[in-house]
Amino acid sequence: MNLNKARETCKKISENICKVIVGNEKTINFVLASFLCSGHVLLEDVPGVGKTMLAKCLSRSVDCKFKRIQFTPDLLPSDLTGVNFFNQKTCEFVYRPGPVFSNILLADEINRATPRTQSSLMECMEERQVTVDGESRILEKPFFVIATQNPVETQGTFPLPEAQMDRFLMRLKMGYPSASEGINILDRFQQDNPFPQIQAVTDKNEIRQAQEAVKTVRVSEAVKEYIINIVEETRNNDKIILGISPRGSLALMIASQALAMLKDKEYVSPDEVKEAAVPVLAHRIILKGYSISAGMDSSEALISSVLDKVTAPVENIKEYA
């Protein structure tokens, strides 16, 4: 699949999602970019702003396996990955796959599960495989996790550790709609919920081809140096205890490639790097005097200040291509 065909596929998915979701075009774009990068997304926002609906609309737009898990404190790792059970008829152990054996997995309220259960997703997200009783099973591509959590309500929750957060390509928030968008929502849902009418506009084979096409978006040496300069600034910043790792710099590059493709470009410019920097990097740093209640906003502001400090390359546009 070439880049033009991949763009058409993404455009069809975006238009399909917008039949239900009002506004939030930027968030939808970021989710699609993560999907194209074979990354994962953490939607962190208050209840009722459309986090779960966005995930369900994406899954309905793609003809592939979709599973939803409601995370609770009593959820066990085997409830996610599956379990070997003894079949009395055959007198042998049989593996029963868990919901992670899907193409799009919605982990709803992920921070309500215990750290032991949260960690069971780490191998799935990074290695794209599941190991149960010493036997590893490969997950089918594409494999995309959309996790949601409420940053306001912390009672009875378990904050995700840094290692788990680092497995998410982007952390996003929906935000409240504007007044005009709010009226549009009321109009759209007044008679009936449009979600059941959503039909698949592509399949997993086209998604796999689009994911391969994104890798062909060119990244110049100047842009790569710009990415590394941003990363180095986070490591040397007095307000940051833990800076961006090599995994984070790679995530910033591939996210920039996906955003460039969605903009009908065949190369990455500093604009795409700046656009991707906050959602890709903000959740990967640890600040001095870190506060759970204000962590997201303060880390985003600090990444924005880092972008202001680092000089973007200004070579001729041909240099980027």
C-alpha atoms as a PDB file:
ATOM      1  CA  MET A   1       0.000   0.000   0.000  1.00  0.00           C
ATOM      2  CA  ASN A   2       1.348   3.454  -0.911  1.00  0.00           C
ATOM      3  CA  LEU A   3       0.998   6.574   1.208  1.00  0.00           C
ATOM      4  CA  ASN A   4      -1.981   7.904  -0.761  1.00  0.00           C
ATOM      5  CA  LYS A   5      -3.967   4.719  -0.186  1.00  0.00           C
ATOM      6  CA  ALA A   6      -3.045   4.765   3.511  1.00  0.00           C
ATOM      7  CA  ARG A   7      -4.259   8.371   3.790  1.00  0.00           C
ATOM      8  CA  GLU A   8      -7.569   7.443   2.161  1.00  0.00           C
ATOM      9  CA  THR A   9      -8.031   4.603   4.641  1.00  0.00           C
ATOM     10  CA  CYS A  10      -7.380   6.912   7.609  1.00  0.00           C
ATOM     11  CA  LYS A  11      -9.694   9.561   6.202  1.00  0.00           C
ATOM     12  CA  LYS A  12     -12.533   7.049   5.937  1.00  0.00           C
ATOM     13  CA  ILE A  13     -11.998   5.968   9.547  1.00  0.00           C
ATOM     14  CA  SER A  14     -11.894   9.575  10.777  1.00  0.00           C
ATOM     15  CA  GLU A  15     -15.087  10.505   8.920  1.00  0.00           C
ATOM     16  CA  ASN A  16     -16.804   7.432  10.321  1.00  0.00           C
ATOM     17  CA  ILE A  17     -15.834   8.305  13.903  1.00  0.00           C
ATOM     18  CA  CYS A  18     -17.039  11.891  13.415  1.00  0.00           C
ATOM     19  CA  LYS A  19     -20.538  10.577  12.682  1.00  0.00           C
ATOM     20  CA  VAL A  20     -20.770   9.990  16.431  1.00  0.00           C
ATOM     21  CA  ILE A  21     -18.038  12.053  18.106  1.00  0.00           C
ATOM     22  CA  VAL A  22     -18.581  15.807  17.883  1.00  0.00           C
ATOM     23  CA  GLY A  23     -15.427  17.921  17.772  1.00  0.00           C
ATOM     24  CA  ASN A  24     -12.143  16.527  19.130  1.00  0.00           C
ATOM     25  CA  GLU A  25     -10.709  16.239  15.608  1.00  0.00           C
ATOM     26  CA  LYS A  26      -7.206  16.695  17.007  1.00  0.00           C
ATOM     27  CA  THR A  27      -7.621  13.862  19.519  1.00  0.00           C
ATOM     28  CA  ILE A  28      -9.066  11.594  16.820  1.00  0.00           C
ATOM     29  CA  ASN A  29      -6.062  12.421  14.639  1.00  0.00           C
ATOM     30  CA  PHE A  30      -3.657  11.495  17.437  1.00  0.00           C
ATOM     31  CA  VAL A  31      -5.466   8.202  18.076  1.00  0.00           C
ATOM     32  CA  LEU A  32      -5.269   7.328  14.379  1.00  0.00           C
ATOM     33  CA  ALA A  33      -1.585   8.267  14.325  1.00  0.00           C
ATOM     34  CA  SER A  34      -0.936   5.931  17.271  1.00  0.00           C
ATOM     35  CA  PHE A  35      -2.868   3.162  15.535  1.00  0.00           C
ATOM     36  CA  LEU A  36      -0.722   3.609  12.423  1.00  0.00           C
ATOM     37  CA  CYS A  37       2.447   3.462  14.536  1.00  0.00           C
ATOM     38  CA  SER A  38       1.393   0.192  16.204  1.00  0.00           C
ATOM     39  CA  GLY A  39       1.484   2.155  19.447  1.00  0.00           C
ATOM     40  CA  HIS A  40      -1.009   2.377  22.300  1.00  0.00           C
ATOM     41  CA  VAL A  41      -3.047   5.258  23.726  1.00  0.00           C
ATOM     42  CA  LEU A  42      -3.950   6.306  27.262  1.00  0.00           C
ATOM     43  CA  LEU A  43      -7.069   8.509  27.340  1.00  0.00           C
ATOM     44  CA  GLU A  44      -6.982  10.379  30.631  1.00  0.00           C
ATOM     45  CA  ASP A  45      -9.945  12.626  31.372  1.00  0.00           C
ATOM     46  CA  VAL A  46     -13.022  13.058  33.531  1.00  0.00           C
ATOM     47  CA  PRO A  47     -16.069  10.794  33.033  1.00  0.00           C
ATOM     48  CA  GLY A  48     -18.608  11.564  30.333  1.00  0.00           C
ATOM     49  CA  VAL A  49     -16.435  13.295  27.720  1.00  0.00           C
ATOM     50  CA  GLY A  50     -16.441  10.419  25.215  1.00  0.00           C
ATOM     51  CA  LYS A  51     -13.304   8.373  25.955  1.00  0.00           C
ATOM     52  CA  THR A  52     -14.995   4.978  25.736  1.00  0.00           C
ATOM     53  CA  MET A  53     -17.208   6.031  22.835  1.00  0.00           C
ATOM     54  CA  LEU A  54     -14.174   7.106  20.816  1.00  0.00           C
ATOM     55  CA  ALA A  55     -12.569   3.701  21.325  1.00  0.00           C
ATOM     56  CA  LYS A  56     -15.775   1.891  20.386  1.00  0.00           C
ATOM     57  CA  CYS A  57     -16.234   4.014  17.248  1.00  0.00           C
ATOM     58  CA  LEU A  58     -12.697   3.194  16.124  1.00  0.00           C
ATOM     59  CA  SER A  59     -13.268  -0.512  16.650  1.00  0.00           C
ATOM     60  CA  ARG A  60     -16.597  -0.394  14.810  1.00  0.00           C
ATOM     61  CA  SER A  61     -14.904   1.368  11.875  1.00  0.00           C
ATOM     62  CA  VAL A  62     -12.404  -1.467  11.388  1.00  0.00           C
ATOM     63  CA  ASP A  63     -13.553  -5.006  10.612  1.00  0.00           C
ATOM     64  CA  CYS A  64     -11.454  -6.780  13.249  1.00  0.00           C
ATOM     65  CA  LYS A  65     -11.661  -8.373  16.687  1.00  0.00           C
ATOM     66  CA  PHE A  66     -12.596  -5.974  19.486  1.00  0.00           C
ATOM     67  CA  LYS A  67     -12.684  -6.713  23.211  1.00  0.00           C
ATOM     68  CA  ARG A  68     -13.483  -4.497  26.167  1.00  0.00           C
ATOM     69  CA  ILE A  69     -12.278  -5.107  29.714  1.00  0.00           C
ATOM     70  CA  GLN A  70     -13.704  -3.229  32.675  1.00  0.00           C
ATOM     71  CA  PHE A  71     -10.801  -3.045  35.114  1.00  0.00           C
ATOM     72  CA  THR A  72     -11.743  -3.613  38.762  1.00  0.00           C
ATOM     73  CA  PRO A  73      -9.700  -4.361  41.920  1.00  0.00           C
ATOM     74  CA  ASP A  74     -10.645  -8.062  41.782  1.00  0.00           C
ATOM     75  CA  LEU A  75      -9.536  -8.530  38.167  1.00  0.00           C
ATOM     76  CA  LEU A  76      -6.797 -11.167  37.860  1.00  0.00           C
ATOM     77  CA  PRO A  77      -3.983 -11.395  35.283  1.00  0.00           C
ATOM     78  CA  SER A  78      -5.487 -14.638  33.970  1.00  0.00           C
ATOM     79  CA  ASP A  79      -8.712 -12.732  33.258  1.00  0.00           C
ATOM     80  CA  LEU A  80      -6.712 -10.796  30.652  1.00  0.00           C
ATOM     81  CA  THR A  81      -4.212 -13.252  29.242  1.00  0.00           C
ATOM     82  CA  GLY A  82      -6.177 -16.483  29.499  1.00  0.00           C
ATOM     83  CA  VAL A  83      -5.691 -19.672  31.490  1.00  0.00           C
ATOM     84  CA  ASN A  84      -4.936 -23.370  31.101  1.00  0.00           C
ATOM     85  CA  PHE A  85      -7.828 -25.481  32.425  1.00  0.00           C
ATOM     86  CA  PHE A  86      -8.120 -29.227  32.806  1.00  0.00           C
ATOM     87  CA  ASN A  87     -10.564 -30.793  30.364  1.00  0.00           C
ATOM     88  CA  GLN A  88     -12.005 -33.858  32.093  1.00  0.00           C
ATOM     89  CA  LYS A  89     -13.288 -35.324  28.822  1.00  0.00           C
ATOM     90  CA  THR A  90      -9.859 -35.374  27.147  1.00  0.00           C
ATOM     91  CA  CYS A  91      -7.873 -35.606  30.412  1.00  0.00           C
ATOM     92  CA  GLU A  92      -5.498 -32.852  29.299  1.00  0.00           C
ATOM     93  CA  PHE A  93      -4.947 -29.164  29.871  1.00  0.00           C
ATOM     94  CA  VAL A  94      -6.498 -26.814  27.311  1.00  0.00           C
ATOM     95  CA  TYR A  95      -5.657 -23.145  26.887  1.00  0.00           C
ATOM     96  CA  ARG A  96      -8.563 -20.719  26.993  1.00  0.00           C
ATOM     97  CA  PRO A  97      -7.469 -17.378  25.437  1.00  0.00           C
ATOM     98  CA  GLY A  98      -8.200 -14.140  27.290  1.00  0.00           C
ATOM     99  CA  PRO A  99      -9.552 -10.893  25.833  1.00  0.00           C
ATOM    100  CA  VAL A 100      -6.040  -9.666  24.924  1.00  0.00           C
ATOM    101  CA  PHE A 101      -6.304 -11.948  21.893  1.00  0.00           C
ATOM    102  CA  SER A 102      -7.979  -9.236  19.872  1.00  0.00           C
ATOM    103  CA  ASN A 103      -6.975  -6.497  17.439  1.00  0.00           C
ATOM    104  CA  ILE A 104      -8.340  -3.531  19.380  1.00  0.00           C
ATOM    105  CA  LEU A 105      -8.486  -3.821  23.168  1.00  0.00           C
ATOM    106  CA  LEU A 106     -10.319  -1.275  25.323  1.00  0.00           C
ATOM    107  CA  ALA A 107      -8.936  -1.286  28.872  1.00  0.00           C
ATOM    108  CA  ASP A 108     -11.568   0.791  30.634  1.00  0.00           C
ATOM    109  CA  GLU A 109     -10.521   2.508  33.897  1.00  0.00           C
ATOM    110  CA  ILE A 110      -7.176   0.726  33.877  1.00  0.00           C
ATOM    111  CA  ASN A 111      -6.036   2.351  37.130  1.00  0.00           C
ATOM    112  CA  ARG A 112      -8.749   0.533  39.116  1.00  0.00           C
ATOM    113  CA  ALA A 113      -6.964  -2.814  38.762  1.00  0.00           C
ATOM    114  CA  THR A 114      -4.112  -3.888  41.040  1.00  0.00           C
ATOM    115  CA  PRO A 115      -0.490  -3.422  39.909  1.00  0.00           C
ATOM    116  CA  ARG A 116      -0.201  -7.184  39.405  1.00  0.00           C
ATOM    117  CA  THR A 117      -3.033  -7.137  36.874  1.00  0.00           C
ATOM    118  CA  GLN A 118      -1.815  -3.922  35.236  1.00  0.00           C
ATOM    119  CA  SER A 119       1.619  -5.462  34.720  1.00  0.00           C
ATOM    120  CA  SER A 120       0.116  -8.429  32.861  1.00  0.00           C
ATOM    121  CA  LEU A 121      -0.500  -6.057  29.955  1.00  0.00           C
ATOM    122  CA  MET A 122       3.141  -4.997  29.681  1.00  0.00           C
ATOM    123  CA  GLU A 123       4.319  -8.054  27.733  1.00  0.00           C
ATOM    124  CA  CYS A 124       1.273  -7.808  25.463  1.00  0.00           C
ATOM    125  CA  MET A 125       1.852  -4.132  24.707  1.00  0.00           C
ATOM    126  CA  GLU A 126       5.616  -4.300  24.166  1.00  0.00           C
ATOM    127  CA  GLU A 127       6.313  -7.812  22.883  1.00  0.00           C
ATOM    128  CA  ARG A 128       2.941  -8.470  21.204  1.00  0.00           C
ATOM    129  CA  GLN A 129       2.827 -11.874  22.847  1.00  0.00           C
ATOM    130  CA  VAL A 130       1.354 -13.615  25.895  1.00  0.00           C
ATOM    131  CA  THR A 131       3.240 -16.092  28.077  1.00  0.00           C
ATOM    132  CA  VAL A 132       1.166 -18.473  30.186  1.00  0.00           C
ATOM    133  CA  ASP A 133       2.730 -21.413  32.068  1.00  0.00           C
ATOM    134  CA  GLY A 134       5.974 -20.963  30.180  1.00  0.00           C
ATOM    135  CA  GLU A 135       4.446 -21.044  26.700  1.00  0.00           C
ATOM    136  CA  SER A 136       4.417 -17.869  24.576  1.00  0.00           C
ATOM    137  CA  ARG A 137       1.663 -17.115  22.080  1.00  0.00           C
ATOM    138  CA  ILE A 138       1.963 -14.364  19.466  1.00  0.00           C
ATOM    139  CA  LEU A 139      -0.820 -11.773  19.235  1.00  0.00           C
ATOM    140  CA  GLU A 140      -2.310 -11.079  15.834  1.00  0.00           C
ATOM    141  CA  LYS A 141      -1.479  -7.782  14.121  1.00  0.00           C
ATOM    142  CA  PRO A 142      -2.716  -5.137  14.427  1.00  0.00           C
ATOM    143  CA  PHE A 143      -2.795  -5.087  18.223  1.00  0.00           C
ATOM    144  CA  PHE A 144      -3.873  -1.754  19.667  1.00  0.00           C
ATOM    145  CA  VAL A 145      -4.634  -0.946  23.309  1.00  0.00           C
ATOM    146  CA  ILE A 146      -6.781   2.040  24.229  1.00  0.00           C
ATOM    147  CA  ALA A 147      -6.778   2.508  27.991  1.00  0.00           C
ATOM    148  CA  THR A 148      -8.885   5.031  29.875  1.00  0.00           C
ATOM    149  CA  GLN A 149      -8.587   6.451  33.357  1.00  0.00           C
ATOM    150  CA  ASN A 150     -10.121   9.205  35.449  1.00  0.00           C
ATOM    151  CA  PRO A 151      -7.376  11.519  36.817  1.00  0.00           C
ATOM    152  CA  VAL A 152      -9.685  13.205  39.326  1.00  0.00           C
ATOM    153  CA  GLU A 153     -11.023  10.256  41.315  1.00  0.00           C
ATOM    154  CA  THR A 154      -8.060   8.574  43.039  1.00  0.00           C
ATOM    155  CA  GLN A 155      -9.783   6.701  45.877  1.00  0.00           C
ATOM    156  CA  GLY A 156      -9.547   2.958  45.312  1.00  0.00           C
ATOM    157  CA  THR A 157      -7.228   3.323  42.317  1.00  0.00           C
ATOM    158  CA  PHE A 158      -3.655   2.258  41.641  1.00  0.00           C
ATOM    159  CA  PRO A 159      -1.562   4.803  39.691  1.00  0.00           C
ATOM    160  CA  LEU A 160       0.221   3.293  36.710  1.00  0.00           C
ATOM    161  CA  PRO A 161       3.973   2.872  37.316  1.00  0.00           C
ATOM    162  CA  GLU A 162       6.470   4.653  35.083  1.00  0.00           C
ATOM    163  CA  ALA A 163       7.355   1.435  33.236  1.00  0.00           C
ATOM    164  CA  GLN A 164       3.699   0.889  32.339  1.00  0.00           C
ATOM    165  CA  MET A 165       3.202   4.516  31.270  1.00  0.00           C
ATOM    166  CA  ASP A 166       6.247   4.253  28.998  1.00  0.00           C
ATOM    167  CA  ARG A 167       4.490   1.525  26.999  1.00  0.00           C
ATOM    168  CA  PHE A 168       1.849   4.001  25.841  1.00  0.00           C
ATOM    169  CA  LEU A 169       2.845   5.901  22.728  1.00  0.00           C
ATOM    170  CA  MET A 170       0.578   8.841  23.619  1.00  0.00           C
ATOM    171  CA  ARG A 171      -1.384  10.160  26.560  1.00  0.00           C
ATOM    172  CA  LEU A 172      -4.379  12.209  25.439  1.00  0.00           C
ATOM    173  CA  LYS A 173      -7.374  13.969  26.907  1.00  0.00           C
ATOM    174  CA  MET A 174     -10.713  14.732  25.296  1.00  0.00           C
ATOM    175  CA  GLY A 175     -11.607  17.978  27.029  1.00  0.00           C
ATOM    176  CA  TYR A 176     -15.039  19.572  27.288  1.00  0.00           C
ATOM    177  CA  PRO A 177     -16.844  20.559  24.083  1.00  0.00           C
ATOM    178  CA  SER A 178     -17.478  24.188  23.222  1.00  0.00           C
ATOM    179  CA  ALA A 179     -20.992  25.639  23.554  1.00  0.00           C
ATOM    180  CA  SER A 180     -21.731  25.130  19.845  1.00  0.00           C
ATOM    181  CA  GLU A 181     -20.380  21.574  19.965  1.00  0.00           C
ATOM    182  CA  GLY A 182     -22.514  20.894  23.033  1.00  0.00           C
ATOM    183  CA  ILE A 183     -25.647  21.942  21.117  1.00  0.00           C
ATOM    184  CA  ASN A 184     -24.539  19.744  18.203  1.00  0.00           C
ATOM    185  CA  ILE A 185     -24.249  16.782  20.585  1.00  0.00           C
ATOM    186  CA  LEU A 186     -27.773  17.367  21.886  1.00  0.00           C
ATOM    187  CA  ASP A 187     -29.127  17.589  18.341  1.00  0.00           C
ATOM    188  CA  ARG A 188     -27.299  14.470  17.182  1.00  0.00           C
ATOM    189  CA  PHE A 189     -28.416  12.303  20.095  1.00  0.00           C
ATOM    190  CA  GLN A 190     -31.896  13.762  20.597  1.00  0.00           C
ATOM    191  CA  GLN A 191     -33.783  11.182  18.528  1.00  0.00           C
ATOM    192  CA  ASP A 192     -31.438   8.208  18.598  1.00  0.00           C
ATOM    193  CA  ASN A 193     -27.876   7.096  19.315  1.00  0.00           C
ATOM    194  CA  PRO A 194     -25.960   7.126  15.986  1.00  0.00           C
ATOM    195  CA  PHE A 195     -23.373   4.615  17.202  1.00  0.00           C
ATOM    196  CA  PRO A 196     -25.292   1.410  16.248  1.00  0.00           C
ATOM    197  CA  GLN A 197     -25.459   2.641  12.631  1.00  0.00           C
ATOM    198  CA  ILE A 198     -21.664   2.817  12.319  1.00  0.00           C
ATOM    199  CA  GLN A 199     -20.360   0.302   9.775  1.00  0.00           C
ATOM    200  CA  ALA A 200     -16.812  -0.916   9.108  1.00  0.00           C
ATOM    201  CA  VAL A 201     -15.029   1.068   6.387  1.00  0.00           C
ATOM    202  CA  THR A 202     -11.800  -0.974   6.308  1.00  0.00           C
ATOM    203  CA  ASP A 203     -10.343  -4.225   7.576  1.00  0.00           C
ATOM    204  CA  LYS A 204      -7.277  -5.377   9.485  1.00  0.00           C
ATOM    205  CA  ASN A 205      -5.371  -6.241   6.315  1.00  0.00           C
ATOM    206  CA  GLU A 206      -5.588  -2.645   5.073  1.00  0.00           C
ATOM    207  CA  ILE A 207      -4.548  -1.413   8.519  1.00  0.00           C
ATOM    208  CA  ARG A 208      -1.477  -3.652   8.457  1.00  0.00           C
ATOM    209  CA  GLN A 209      -0.562  -2.297   5.032  1.00  0.00           C
ATOM    210  CA  ALA A 210      -1.083   1.295   6.216  1.00  0.00           C
ATOM    211  CA  GLN A 211       1.195   0.650   9.197  1.00  0.00           C
ATOM    212  CA  GLU A 212       3.917  -0.493   6.819  1.00  0.00           C
ATOM    213  CA  ALA A 213       3.349   2.539   4.571  1.00  0.00           C
ATOM    214  CA  VAL A 214       3.935   4.953   7.485  1.00  0.00           C
ATOM    215  CA  LYS A 215       7.476   3.615   7.850  1.00  0.00           C
ATOM    216  CA  THR A 216       8.307   4.973   4.379  1.00  0.00           C
ATOM    217  CA  VAL A 217       7.726   8.610   5.427  1.00  0.00           C
ATOM    218  CA  ARG A 218      11.174  10.211   5.225  1.00  0.00           C
ATOM    219  CA  VAL A 219      12.957  11.658   8.250  1.00  0.00           C
ATOM    220  CA  SER A 220      15.977  13.851   7.496  1.00  0.00           C
ATOM    221  CA  GLU A 221      19.129  14.001   9.588  1.00  0.00           C
ATOM    222  CA  ALA A 222      18.239  17.565  10.628  1.00  0.00           C
ATOM    223  CA  VAL A 223      14.894  16.416  12.037  1.00  0.00           C
ATOM    224  CA  LYS A 224      16.499  13.450  13.809  1.00  0.00           C
ATOM    225  CA  GLU A 225      18.986  15.821  15.440  1.00  0.00           C
ATOM    226  CA  TYR A 226      16.082  18.076  16.470  1.00  0.00           C
ATOM    227  CA  ILE A 227      14.359  15.117  18.146  1.00  0.00           C
ATOM    228  CA  ILE A 228      17.527  14.159  20.032  1.00  0.00           C
ATOM    229  CA  ASN A 229      18.099  17.773  21.115  1.00  0.00           C
ATOM    230  CA  ILE A 230      14.609  17.835  22.635  1.00  0.00           C
ATOM    231  CA  VAL A 231      15.297  14.559  24.441  1.00  0.00           C
ATOM    232  CA  GLU A 232      18.654  15.790  25.724  1.00  0.00           C
ATOM    233  CA  GLU A 233      17.027  18.943  27.077  1.00  0.00           C
ATOM    234  CA  THR A 234      14.643  16.842  29.203  1.00  0.00           C
ATOM    235  CA  ARG A 235      17.597  14.902  30.619  1.00  0.00           C
ATOM    236  CA  ASN A 236      19.467  18.059  31.590  1.00  0.00           C
ATOM    237  CA  ASN A 237      16.512  20.077  32.871  1.00  0.00           C
ATOM    238  CA  ASP A 238      16.681  21.058  36.552  1.00  0.00           C
ATOM    239  CA  LYS A 239      12.931  20.536  36.995  1.00  0.00           C
ATOM    240  CA  ILE A 240      12.971  16.956  35.707  1.00  0.00           C
ATOM    241  CA  ILE A 241      14.167  13.951  37.721  1.00  0.00           C
ATOM    242  CA  LEU A 242      13.661  11.368  34.973  1.00  0.00           C
ATOM    243  CA  GLY A 243      14.132  12.457  31.358  1.00  0.00           C
ATOM    244  CA  ILE A 244      13.145  10.831  28.086  1.00  0.00           C
ATOM    245  CA  SER A 245      14.570   7.388  27.310  1.00  0.00           C
ATOM    246  CA  PRO A 246      15.627   6.093  23.870  1.00  0.00           C
ATOM    247  CA  ARG A 247      12.211   4.451  23.612  1.00  0.00           C
ATOM    248  CA  GLY A 248      10.685   7.900  23.991  1.00  0.00           C
ATOM    249  CA  SER A 249      12.839   9.436  21.253  1.00  0.00           C
ATOM    250  CA  LEU A 250      11.896   6.596  18.899  1.00  0.00           C
ATOM    251  CA  ALA A 251       8.227   7.073  19.790  1.00  0.00           C
ATOM    252  CA  LEU A 252       8.490  10.778  18.943  1.00  0.00           C
ATOM    253  CA  MET A 253       9.966   9.992  15.531  1.00  0.00           C
ATOM    254  CA  ILE A 254       7.383   7.385  14.497  1.00  0.00           C
ATOM    255  CA  ALA A 255       4.503   9.518  15.788  1.00  0.00           C
ATOM    256  CA  SER A 256       5.823  12.419  13.708  1.00  0.00           C
ATOM    257  CA  GLN A 257       5.923  10.144  10.663  1.00  0.00           C
ATOM    258  CA  ALA A 258       2.271   9.205  11.154  1.00  0.00           C
ATOM    259  CA  LEU A 259       1.181  12.820  11.621  1.00  0.00           C
ATOM    260  CA  ALA A 260       3.086  13.832   8.489  1.00  0.00           C
ATOM    261  CA  MET A 261       1.315  11.115   6.498  1.00  0.00           C
ATOM    262  CA  LEU A 262      -2.080  12.267   7.780  1.00  0.00           C
ATOM    263  CA  LYS A 263      -1.179  15.762   6.509  1.00  0.00           C
ATOM    264  CA  ASP A 264      -0.536  14.413   2.980  1.00  0.00           C
ATOM    265  CA  LYS A 265       3.215  14.806   3.376  1.00  0.00           C
ATOM    266  CA  GLU A 266       5.933  12.325   2.438  1.00  0.00           C
ATOM    267  CA  TYR A 267       8.509  13.686   4.873  1.00  0.00           C
ATOM    268  CA  VAL A 268       8.665  14.874   8.490  1.00  0.00           C
ATOM    269  CA  SER A 269       9.244  18.537   9.271  1.00  0.00           C
ATOM    270  CA  PRO A 270       9.835  20.164  12.703  1.00  0.00           C
ATOM    271  CA  ASP A 271       6.123  21.073  12.786  1.00  0.00           C
ATOM    272  CA  GLU A 272       5.107  17.424  13.162  1.00  0.00           C
ATOM    273  CA  VAL A 273       7.730  16.897  15.856  1.00  0.00           C
ATOM    274  CA  LYS A 274       6.386  19.869  17.828  1.00  0.00           C
ATOM    275  CA  GLU A 275       2.807  18.651  17.395  1.00  0.00           C
ATOM    276  CA  ALA A 276       3.626  15.161  18.653  1.00  0.00           C
ATOM    277  CA  ALA A 277       6.000  16.170  21.456  1.00  0.00           C
ATOM    278  CA  VAL A 278       3.505  16.872  24.249  1.00  0.00           C
ATOM    279  CA  PRO A 279       1.252  13.783  23.883  1.00  0.00           C
ATOM    280  CA  VAL A 280       4.261  11.523  23.288  1.00  0.00           C
ATOM    281  CA  LEU A 281       6.699  12.858  25.905  1.00  0.00           C
ATOM    282  CA  ALA A 282       4.734  14.450  28.767  1.00  0.00           C
ATOM    283  CA  HIS A 283       3.789  11.157  30.445  1.00  0.00           C
ATOM    284  CA  ARG A 284       7.366   9.828  30.223  1.00  0.00           C
ATOM    285  CA  ILE A 285       9.021  12.387  32.502  1.00  0.00           C
ATOM    286  CA  ILE A 286       9.038  12.662  36.288  1.00  0.00           C
ATOM    287  CA  LEU A 287       9.095  16.151  37.752  1.00  0.00           C
ATOM    288  CA  LYS A 288      10.591  17.323  40.997  1.00  0.00           C
ATOM    289  CA  GLY A 289       7.823  17.790  43.533  1.00  0.00           C
ATOM    290  CA  TYR A 290       5.559  15.551  41.415  1.00  0.00           C
ATOM    291  CA  SER A 291       1.874  15.889  42.290  1.00  0.00           C
ATOM    292  CA  ILE A 292      -0.645  13.287  41.171  1.00  0.00           C
ATOM    293  CA  SER A 293      -3.454  15.828  41.034  1.00  0.00           C
ATOM    294  CA  ALA A 294      -1.539  18.275  38.817  1.00  0.00           C
ATOM    295  CA  GLY A 295       0.914  15.916  37.167  1.00  0.00           C
ATOM    296  CA  MET A 296      -0.584  15.896  33.680  1.00  0.00           C
ATOM    297  CA  ASP A 297      -0.940  19.649  33.218  1.00  0.00           C
ATOM    298  CA  SER A 298       2.446  20.469  34.746  1.00  0.00           C
ATOM    299  CA  SER A 299       4.326  17.872  32.693  1.00  0.00           C
ATOM    300  CA  GLU A 300       2.650  19.095  29.504  1.00  0.00           C
ATOM    301  CA  ALA A 301       3.618  22.675  30.328  1.00  0.00           C
ATOM    302  CA  LEU A 302       7.214  21.641  30.951  1.00  0.00           C
ATOM    303  CA  ILE A 303       7.487  19.806  27.619  1.00  0.00           C
ATOM    304  CA  SER A 304       6.099  22.932  25.938  1.00  0.00           C
ATOM    305  CA  SER A 305       8.787  25.005  27.636  1.00  0.00           C
ATOM    306  CA  VAL A 306      11.430  22.531  26.444  1.00  0.00           C
ATOM    307  CA  LEU A 307      10.211  23.017  22.871  1.00  0.00           C
ATOM    308  CA  ASP A 308      10.615  26.781  23.323  1.00  0.00           C
ATOM    309  CA  LYS A 309      14.240  26.320  24.415  1.00  0.00           C
ATOM    310  CA  VAL A 310      15.331  23.974  21.629  1.00  0.00           C
ATOM    311  CA  THR A 311      15.970  25.658  18.288  1.00  0.00           C
ATOM    312  CA  ALA A 312      14.193  23.979  15.380  1.00  0.00           C
ATOM    313  CA  PRO A 313      16.135  23.464  12.136  1.00  0.00           C
ATOM    314  CA  VAL A 314      15.360  26.107   9.512  1.00  0.00           C
ATOM    315  CA  GLU A 315      16.997  24.573   6.447  1.00  0.00           C
ATOM    316  CA  ASN A 316      15.329  24.646   3.065  1.00  0.00           C
ATOM    317  CA  ILE A 317      12.291  22.377   2.866  1.00  0.00           C
ATOM    318  CA  LYS A 318      14.197  20.132   0.461  1.00  0.00           C
ATOM    319  CA  GLU A 319      16.532  19.242   3.322  1.00  0.00           C
ATOM    320  CA  TYR A 320      13.645  17.610   5.228  1.00  0.00           C
ATOM    321  CA  ALA A 321      12.653  15.522   2.226  1.00  0.00           C
END
